[in-house]
């Protein structure tokens, strides 16, 4: 996981999901924030309304987060 997202909520678009667990395994990072309410407000106002929102755990022992790419900011 990229340390920049550790301990933050991350919005992923264009997700590919694990068929067994239905959890995102890959996606494009469209936004991130420490405050879930702030992130959700920005997502509601944006064109990215079908994002998966995940919390990137601070613990290395947790399941690794999905592979991702980051969309360029405008």
PDB file of N, CA and C in Angstrom:
ATOM      1  N   UNK A   1       0.842  -1.170   0.000  1.00  0.00           N
ATOM      2  CA  UNK A   1       0.000   0.000   0.000  1.00  0.00           C
ATOM      3  C   UNK A   1       0.890   1.236   0.000  1.00  0.00           C
ATOM      4  N   UNK A   2       0.447   2.237  -0.689  1.00  0.00           N
ATOM      5  CA  UNK A   2       1.147   3.511  -0.700  1.00  0.00           C
ATOM      6  C   UNK A   2       0.934   4.169   0.659  1.00  0.00           C
ATOM      7  N   UNK A   3       2.015   4.552   1.318  1.00  0.00           N
ATOM      8  CA  UNK A   3       1.909   5.150   2.651  1.00  0.00           C
ATOM      9  C   UNK A   3       1.085   6.425   2.658  1.00  0.00           C
ATOM     10  N   UNK A   4       0.945   7.092   1.531  1.00  0.00           N
ATOM     11  CA  UNK A   4       0.157   8.325   1.462  1.00  0.00           C
ATOM     12  C   UNK A   4      -1.314   8.074   1.785  1.00  0.00           C
ATOM     13  N   UNK A   5      -1.797   6.842   1.616  1.00  0.00           N
ATOM     14  CA  UNK A   5      -3.202   6.531   1.849  1.00  0.00           C
ATOM     15  C   UNK A   5      -3.445   5.795   3.165  1.00  0.00           C
ATOM     16  N   UNK A   6      -2.409   5.434   3.864  1.00  0.00           N
ATOM     17  CA  UNK A   6      -2.549   4.701   5.126  1.00  0.00           C
ATOM     18  C   UNK A   6      -3.315   5.561   6.142  1.00  0.00           C
ATOM     19  N   UNK A   7      -4.376   4.974   6.714  1.00  0.00           N
ATOM     20  CA  UNK A   7      -5.183   5.685   7.696  1.00  0.00           C
ATOM     21  C   UNK A   7      -6.193   6.648   7.086  1.00  0.00           C
ATOM     22  N   UNK A   8      -6.427   6.532   5.776  1.00  0.00           N
ATOM     23  CA  UNK A   8      -7.359   7.427   5.082  1.00  0.00           C
ATOM     24  C   UNK A   8      -8.439   6.613   4.375  1.00  0.00           C
ATOM     25  N   UNK A   9      -9.559   7.262   4.104  1.00  0.00           N
ATOM     26  CA  UNK A   9     -10.625   6.694   3.283  1.00  0.00           C
ATOM     27  C   UNK A   9     -10.261   6.961   1.837  1.00  0.00           C
ATOM     28  N   UNK A  10     -10.445   5.961   0.980  1.00  0.00           N
ATOM     29  CA  UNK A  10     -10.066   6.065  -0.425  1.00  0.00           C
ATOM     30  C   UNK A  10     -11.263   5.691  -1.291  1.00  0.00           C
ATOM     31  N   UNK A  11     -11.551   6.510  -2.307  1.00  0.00           N
ATOM     32  CA  UNK A  11     -12.611   6.228  -3.270  1.00  0.00           C
ATOM     33  C   UNK A  11     -11.980   5.622  -4.514  1.00  0.00           C
ATOM     34  N   UNK A  12     -12.463   4.436  -4.897  1.00  0.00           N
ATOM     35  CA  UNK A  12     -11.956   3.725  -6.067  1.00  0.00           C
ATOM     36  C   UNK A  12     -13.025   3.657  -7.147  1.00  0.00           C
ATOM     37  N   UNK A  13     -12.611   3.881  -8.373  1.00  0.00           N
ATOM     38  CA  UNK A  13     -13.498   3.758  -9.532  1.00  0.00           C
ATOM     39  C   UNK A  13     -12.918   2.677 -10.438  1.00  0.00           C
ATOM     40  N   UNK A  14     -13.711   2.214 -11.379  1.00  0.00           N
ATOM     41  CA  UNK A  14     -13.277   1.182 -12.327  1.00  0.00           C
ATOM     42  C   UNK A  14     -12.734  -0.041 -11.591  1.00  0.00           C
ATOM     43  N   UNK A  15     -13.466  -0.467 -10.577  1.00  0.00           N
ATOM     44  CA  UNK A  15     -13.016  -1.577  -9.737  1.00  0.00           C
ATOM     45  C   UNK A  15     -13.201  -2.928 -10.418  1.00  0.00           C
ATOM     46  N   UNK A  16     -12.284  -3.816 -10.094  1.00  0.00           N
ATOM     47  CA  UNK A  16     -12.410  -5.233 -10.424  1.00  0.00           C
ATOM     48  C   UNK A  16     -12.570  -5.917  -9.076  1.00  0.00           C
ATOM     49  N   UNK A  17     -13.584  -6.772  -8.963  1.00  0.00           N
ATOM     50  CA  UNK A  17     -13.918  -7.399  -7.683  1.00  0.00           C
ATOM     51  C   UNK A  17     -13.532  -8.869  -7.671  1.00  0.00           C
ATOM     52  N   UNK A  18     -13.162  -9.364  -6.500  1.00  0.00           N
ATOM     53  CA  UNK A  18     -12.896 -10.774  -6.293  1.00  0.00           C
ATOM     54  C   UNK A  18     -14.230 -11.510  -6.377  1.00  0.00           C
ATOM     55  N   UNK A  19     -14.313 -12.517  -7.225  1.00  0.00           N
ATOM     56  CA  UNK A  19     -15.567 -13.251  -7.422  1.00  0.00           C
ATOM     57  C   UNK A  19     -16.008 -13.989  -6.163  1.00  0.00           C
ATOM     58  N   UNK A  20     -15.066 -14.394  -5.337  1.00  0.00           N
ATOM     59  CA  UNK A  20     -15.396 -15.152  -4.133  1.00  0.00           C
ATOM     60  C   UNK A  20     -15.839 -14.253  -2.980  1.00  0.00           C
ATOM     61  N   UNK A  21     -15.141 -13.142  -2.779  1.00  0.00           N
ATOM     62  CA  UNK A  21     -15.426 -12.288  -1.619  1.00  0.00           C
ATOM     63  C   UNK A  21     -16.223 -11.034  -1.961  1.00  0.00           C
ATOM     64  N   UNK A  22     -16.301 -10.684  -3.245  1.00  0.00           N
ATOM     65  CA  UNK A  22     -16.962  -9.464  -3.727  1.00  0.00           C
ATOM     66  C   UNK A  22     -16.279  -8.193  -3.236  1.00  0.00           C
ATOM     67  N   UNK A  23     -15.024  -8.316  -2.803  1.00  0.00           N
ATOM     68  CA  UNK A  23     -14.258  -7.144  -2.375  1.00  0.00           C
ATOM     69  C   UNK A  23     -13.439  -6.629  -3.555  1.00  0.00           C
ATOM     70  N   UNK A  24     -13.245  -5.300  -3.624  1.00  0.00           N
ATOM     71  CA  UNK A  24     -12.422  -4.763  -4.699  1.00  0.00           C
ATOM     72  C   UNK A  24     -10.984  -5.264  -4.598  1.00  0.00           C
ATOM     73  N   UNK A  25     -10.423  -5.676  -5.727  1.00  0.00           N
ATOM     74  CA  UNK A  25      -9.034  -6.121  -5.751  1.00  0.00           C
ATOM     75  C   UNK A  25      -8.173  -5.200  -6.610  1.00  0.00           C
ATOM     76  N   UNK A  26      -8.813  -4.327  -7.364  1.00  0.00           N
ATOM     77  CA  UNK A  26      -8.088  -3.402  -8.214  1.00  0.00           C
ATOM     78  C   UNK A  26      -9.019  -2.248  -8.560  1.00  0.00           C
ATOM     79  N   UNK A  27      -8.463  -1.048  -8.709  1.00  0.00           N
ATOM     80  CA  UNK A  27      -9.274   0.102  -9.081  1.00  0.00           C
ATOM     81  C   UNK A  27      -8.424   1.343  -9.253  1.00  0.00           C
ATOM     82  N   UNK A  28      -9.059   2.391  -9.681  1.00  0.00           N
ATOM     83  CA  UNK A  28      -8.402   3.677  -9.884  1.00  0.00           C
ATOM     84  C   UNK A  28      -8.766   4.596  -8.728  1.00  0.00           C
ATOM     85  N   UNK A  29      -7.772   5.129  -8.027  1.00  0.00           N
ATOM     86  CA  UNK A  29      -8.033   6.043  -6.922  1.00  0.00           C
ATOM     87  C   UNK A  29      -8.493   7.385  -7.500  1.00  0.00           C
ATOM     88  N   UNK A  30      -9.685   7.806  -7.112  1.00  0.00           N
ATOM     89  CA  UNK A  30     -10.201   9.085  -7.599  1.00  0.00           C
ATOM     90  C   UNK A  30     -10.165  10.174  -6.538  1.00  0.00           C
ATOM     91  N   UNK A  31     -10.094   9.771  -5.250  1.00  0.00           N
ATOM     92  CA  UNK A  31     -10.049  10.755  -4.174  1.00  0.00           C
ATOM     93  C   UNK A  31      -9.715  10.025  -2.876  1.00  0.00           C
ATOM     94  N   UNK A  32      -9.243  10.775  -1.895  1.00  0.00           N
ATOM     95  CA  UNK A  32      -8.943  10.204  -0.579  1.00  0.00           C
ATOM     96  C   UNK A  32      -9.030  11.306   0.460  1.00  0.00           C
ATOM     97  N   UNK A  33      -9.383  10.923   1.696  1.00  0.00           N
ATOM     98  CA  UNK A  33      -9.502  11.902   2.770  1.00  0.00           C
ATOM     99  C   UNK A  33      -9.472  11.168   4.103  1.00  0.00           C
ATOM    100  N   UNK A  34      -9.045  11.846   5.143  1.00  0.00           N
ATOM    101  CA  UNK A  34      -9.098  11.284   6.495  1.00  0.00           C
ATOM    102  C   UNK A  34     -10.519  11.329   7.046  1.00  0.00           C
ATOM    103  N   UNK A  35     -11.338  12.228   6.504  1.00  0.00           N
ATOM    104  CA  UNK A  35     -12.716  12.422   6.964  1.00  0.00           C
ATOM    105  C   UNK A  35     -13.674  11.792   5.955  1.00  0.00           C
ATOM    106  N   UNK A  36     -14.365  10.717   6.373  1.00  0.00           N
ATOM    107  CA  UNK A  36     -15.276  10.007   5.478  1.00  0.00           C
ATOM    108  C   UNK A  36     -16.396  10.919   4.975  1.00  0.00           C
ATOM    109  N   UNK A  37     -16.946  11.763   5.836  1.00  0.00           N
ATOM    110  CA  UNK A  37     -18.037  12.658   5.430  1.00  0.00           C
ATOM    111  C   UNK A  37     -17.580  13.630   4.349  1.00  0.00           C
ATOM    112  N   UNK A  38     -16.379  14.173   4.489  1.00  0.00           N
ATOM    113  CA  UNK A  38     -15.843  15.092   3.476  1.00  0.00           C
ATOM    114  C   UNK A  38     -15.647  14.379   2.141  1.00  0.00           C
ATOM    115  N   UNK A  39     -15.097  13.173   2.196  1.00  0.00           N
ATOM    116  CA  UNK A  39     -14.882  12.396   0.977  1.00  0.00           C
ATOM    117  C   UNK A  39     -16.213  12.110   0.292  1.00  0.00           C
ATOM    118  N   UNK A  40     -17.191  11.669   1.044  1.00  0.00           N
ATOM    119  CA  UNK A  40     -18.508  11.359   0.474  1.00  0.00           C
ATOM    120  C   UNK A  40     -19.160  12.600  -0.134  1.00  0.00           C
ATOM    121  N   UNK A  41     -19.015  13.743   0.510  1.00  0.00           N
ATOM    122  CA  UNK A  41     -19.590  14.985  -0.027  1.00  0.00           C
ATOM    123  C   UNK A  41     -18.961  15.327  -1.377  1.00  0.00           C
ATOM    124  N   UNK A  42     -17.648  15.191  -1.484  1.00  0.00           N
ATOM    125  CA  UNK A  42     -16.983  15.475  -2.771  1.00  0.00           C
ATOM    126  C   UNK A  42     -17.393  14.476  -3.842  1.00  0.00           C
ATOM    127  N   UNK A  43     -17.514  13.211  -3.466  1.00  0.00           N
ATOM    128  CA  UNK A  43     -17.911  12.187  -4.434  1.00  0.00           C
ATOM    129  C   UNK A  43     -19.328  12.459  -4.932  1.00  0.00           C
ATOM    130  N   UNK A  44     -20.237  12.837  -4.034  1.00  0.00           N
ATOM    131  CA  UNK A  44     -21.615  13.148  -4.442  1.00  0.00           C
ATOM    132  C   UNK A  44     -21.660  14.293  -5.442  1.00  0.00           C
ATOM    133  N   UNK A  45     -20.764  15.258  -5.294  1.00  0.00           N
ATOM    134  CA  UNK A  45     -20.736  16.430  -6.174  1.00  0.00           C
ATOM    135  C   UNK A  45     -19.968  16.174  -7.471  1.00  0.00           C
ATOM    136  N   UNK A  46     -19.269  15.067  -7.557  1.00  0.00           N
ATOM    137  CA  UNK A  46     -18.438  14.789  -8.725  1.00  0.00           C
ATOM    138  C   UNK A  46     -19.156  13.858  -9.700  1.00  0.00           C
ATOM    139  N   UNK A  47     -18.458  13.558 -10.777  1.00  0.00           N
ATOM    140  CA  UNK A  47     -18.976  12.618 -11.765  1.00  0.00           C
ATOM    141  C   UNK A  47     -18.719  11.172 -11.362  1.00  0.00           C
ATOM    142  N   UNK A  48     -17.981  10.942 -10.298  1.00  0.00           N
ATOM    143  CA  UNK A  48     -17.593   9.599  -9.845  1.00  0.00           C
ATOM    144  C   UNK A  48     -18.550   9.067  -8.790  1.00  0.00           C
ATOM    145  N   UNK A  49     -19.788   8.894  -9.122  1.00  0.00           N
ATOM    146  CA  UNK A  49     -20.790   8.525  -8.122  1.00  0.00           C
ATOM    147  C   UNK A  49     -20.892   7.036  -7.857  1.00  0.00           C
ATOM    148  N   UNK A  50     -20.181   6.217  -8.584  1.00  0.00           N
ATOM    149  CA  UNK A  50     -20.265   4.758  -8.392  1.00  0.00           C
ATOM    150  C   UNK A  50     -18.953   4.197  -7.862  1.00  0.00           C
ATOM    151  N   UNK A  51     -18.369   4.894  -6.932  1.00  0.00           N
ATOM    152  CA  UNK A  51     -17.084   4.488  -6.374  1.00  0.00           C
ATOM    153  C   UNK A  51     -17.261   3.502  -5.227  1.00  0.00           C
ATOM    154  N   UNK A  52     -16.254   2.665  -5.065  1.00  0.00           N
ATOM    155  CA  UNK A  52     -16.136   1.852  -3.855  1.00  0.00           C
ATOM    156  C   UNK A  52     -15.299   2.680  -2.889  1.00  0.00           C
ATOM    157  N   UNK A  53     -15.741   2.788  -1.653  1.00  0.00           N
ATOM    158  CA  UNK A  53     -14.996   3.563  -0.658  1.00  0.00           C
ATOM    159  C   UNK A  53     -14.478   2.594   0.400  1.00  0.00           C
ATOM    160  N   UNK A  54     -13.159   2.629   0.584  1.00  0.00           N
ATOM    161  CA  UNK A  54     -12.496   1.716   1.513  1.00  0.00           C
ATOM    162  C   UNK A  54     -11.614   2.493   2.461  1.00  0.00           C
ATOM    163  N   UNK A  55     -11.393   1.923   3.642  1.00  0.00           N
ATOM    164  CA  UNK A  55     -10.456   2.508   4.588  1.00  0.00           C
ATOM    165  C   UNK A  55      -9.143   1.754   4.471  1.00  0.00           C
ATOM    166  N   UNK A  56      -8.057   2.473   4.290  1.00  0.00           N
ATOM    167  CA  UNK A  56      -6.727   1.849   4.217  1.00  0.00           C
ATOM    168  C   UNK A  56      -6.201   1.721   5.637  1.00  0.00           C
ATOM    169  N   UNK A  57      -6.160   0.497   6.117  1.00  0.00           N
ATOM    170  CA  UNK A  57      -5.733   0.218   7.490  1.00  0.00           C
ATOM    171  C   UNK A  57      -4.302   0.641   7.732  1.00  0.00           C
ATOM    172  N   UNK A  58      -4.051   0.998   8.970  1.00  0.00           N
ATOM    173  CA  UNK A  58      -2.703   1.380   9.367  1.00  0.00           C
ATOM    174  C   UNK A  58      -1.851   0.162   9.672  1.00  0.00           C
ATOM    175  N   UNK A  59      -2.480  -0.974   9.902  1.00  0.00           N
ATOM    176  CA  UNK A  59      -1.758  -2.179  10.270  1.00  0.00           C
ATOM    177  C   UNK A  59      -1.303  -2.943   9.036  1.00  0.00           C
ATOM    178  N   UNK A  60      -0.050  -3.305   8.993  1.00  0.00           N
ATOM    179  CA  UNK A  60       0.490  -4.098   7.893  1.00  0.00           C
ATOM    180  C   UNK A  60      -0.062  -5.522   7.928  1.00  0.00           C
ATOM    181  N   UNK A  61      -0.569  -5.960   9.091  1.00  0.00           N
ATOM    182  CA  UNK A  61      -1.049  -7.325   9.231  1.00  0.00           C
ATOM    183  C   UNK A  61      -2.414  -7.525   8.610  1.00  0.00           C
ATOM    184  N   UNK A  62      -3.115  -6.459   8.309  1.00  0.00           N
ATOM    185  CA  UNK A  62      -4.436  -6.559   7.702  1.00  0.00           C
ATOM    186  C   UNK A  62      -4.307  -7.038   6.263  1.00  0.00           C
ATOM    187  N   UNK A  63      -5.424  -7.439   5.679  1.00  0.00           N
ATOM    188  CA  UNK A  63      -5.443  -7.840   4.284  1.00  0.00           C
ATOM    189  C   UNK A  63      -4.958  -6.685   3.423  1.00  0.00           C
ATOM    190  N   UNK A  64      -4.093  -6.943   2.469  1.00  0.00           N
ATOM    191  CA  UNK A  64      -3.587  -5.845   1.654  1.00  0.00           C
ATOM    192  C   UNK A  64      -4.708  -5.170   0.878  1.00  0.00           C
ATOM    193  N   UNK A  65      -4.604  -3.857   0.670  1.00  0.00           N
ATOM    194  CA  UNK A  65      -5.633  -3.134  -0.066  1.00  0.00           C
ATOM    195  C   UNK A  65      -5.552  -3.493  -1.545  1.00  0.00           C
ATOM    196  N   UNK A  66      -6.583  -3.138  -2.290  1.00  0.00           N
ATOM    197  CA  UNK A  66      -6.572  -3.442  -3.710  1.00  0.00           C
ATOM    198  C   UNK A  66      -5.454  -2.730  -4.448  1.00  0.00           C
ATOM    199  N   UNK A  67      -4.991  -3.348  -5.504  1.00  0.00           N
ATOM    200  CA  UNK A  67      -4.026  -2.684  -6.379  1.00  0.00           C
ATOM    201  C   UNK A  67      -4.746  -1.498  -7.007  1.00  0.00           C
ATOM    202  N   UNK A  68      -4.024  -0.434  -7.269  1.00  0.00           N
ATOM    203  CA  UNK A  68      -4.706   0.747  -7.791  1.00  0.00           C
ATOM    204  C   UNK A  68      -3.776   1.588  -8.641  1.00  0.00           C
ATOM    205  N   UNK A  69      -4.404   2.458  -9.381  1.00  0.00           N
ATOM    206  CA  UNK A  69      -3.701   3.506 -10.095  1.00  0.00           C
ATOM    207  C   UNK A  69      -4.352   4.790  -9.642  1.00  0.00           C
ATOM    208  N   UNK A  70      -3.665   5.884  -9.798  1.00  0.00           N
ATOM    209  CA  UNK A  70      -4.247   7.153  -9.381  1.00  0.00           C
ATOM    210  C   UNK A  70      -4.564   7.979 -10.601  1.00  0.00           C
ATOM    211  N   UNK A  71      -5.792   8.482 -10.646  1.00  0.00           N
ATOM    212  CA  UNK A  71      -6.224   9.332 -11.728  1.00  0.00           C
ATOM    213  C   UNK A  71      -5.554  10.690 -11.593  1.00  0.00           C
ATOM    214  N   UNK A  72      -5.104  11.286 -12.692  1.00  0.00           N
ATOM    215  CA  UNK A  72      -4.512  12.620 -12.592  1.00  0.00           C
ATOM    216  C   UNK A  72      -5.545  13.630 -12.080  1.00  0.00           C
ATOM    217  N   UNK A  73      -5.103  14.529 -11.220  1.00  0.00           N
ATOM    218  CA  UNK A  73      -6.011  15.559 -10.719  1.00  0.00           C
ATOM    219  C   UNK A  73      -6.096  16.683 -11.747  1.00  0.00           C
ATOM    220  N   UNK A  74      -7.233  17.330 -11.781  1.00  0.00           N
ATOM    221  CA  UNK A  74      -7.442  18.411 -12.759  1.00  0.00           C
ATOM    222  C   UNK A  74      -7.074  19.735 -12.193  1.00  0.00           C
TER     223      UNK A  74
END
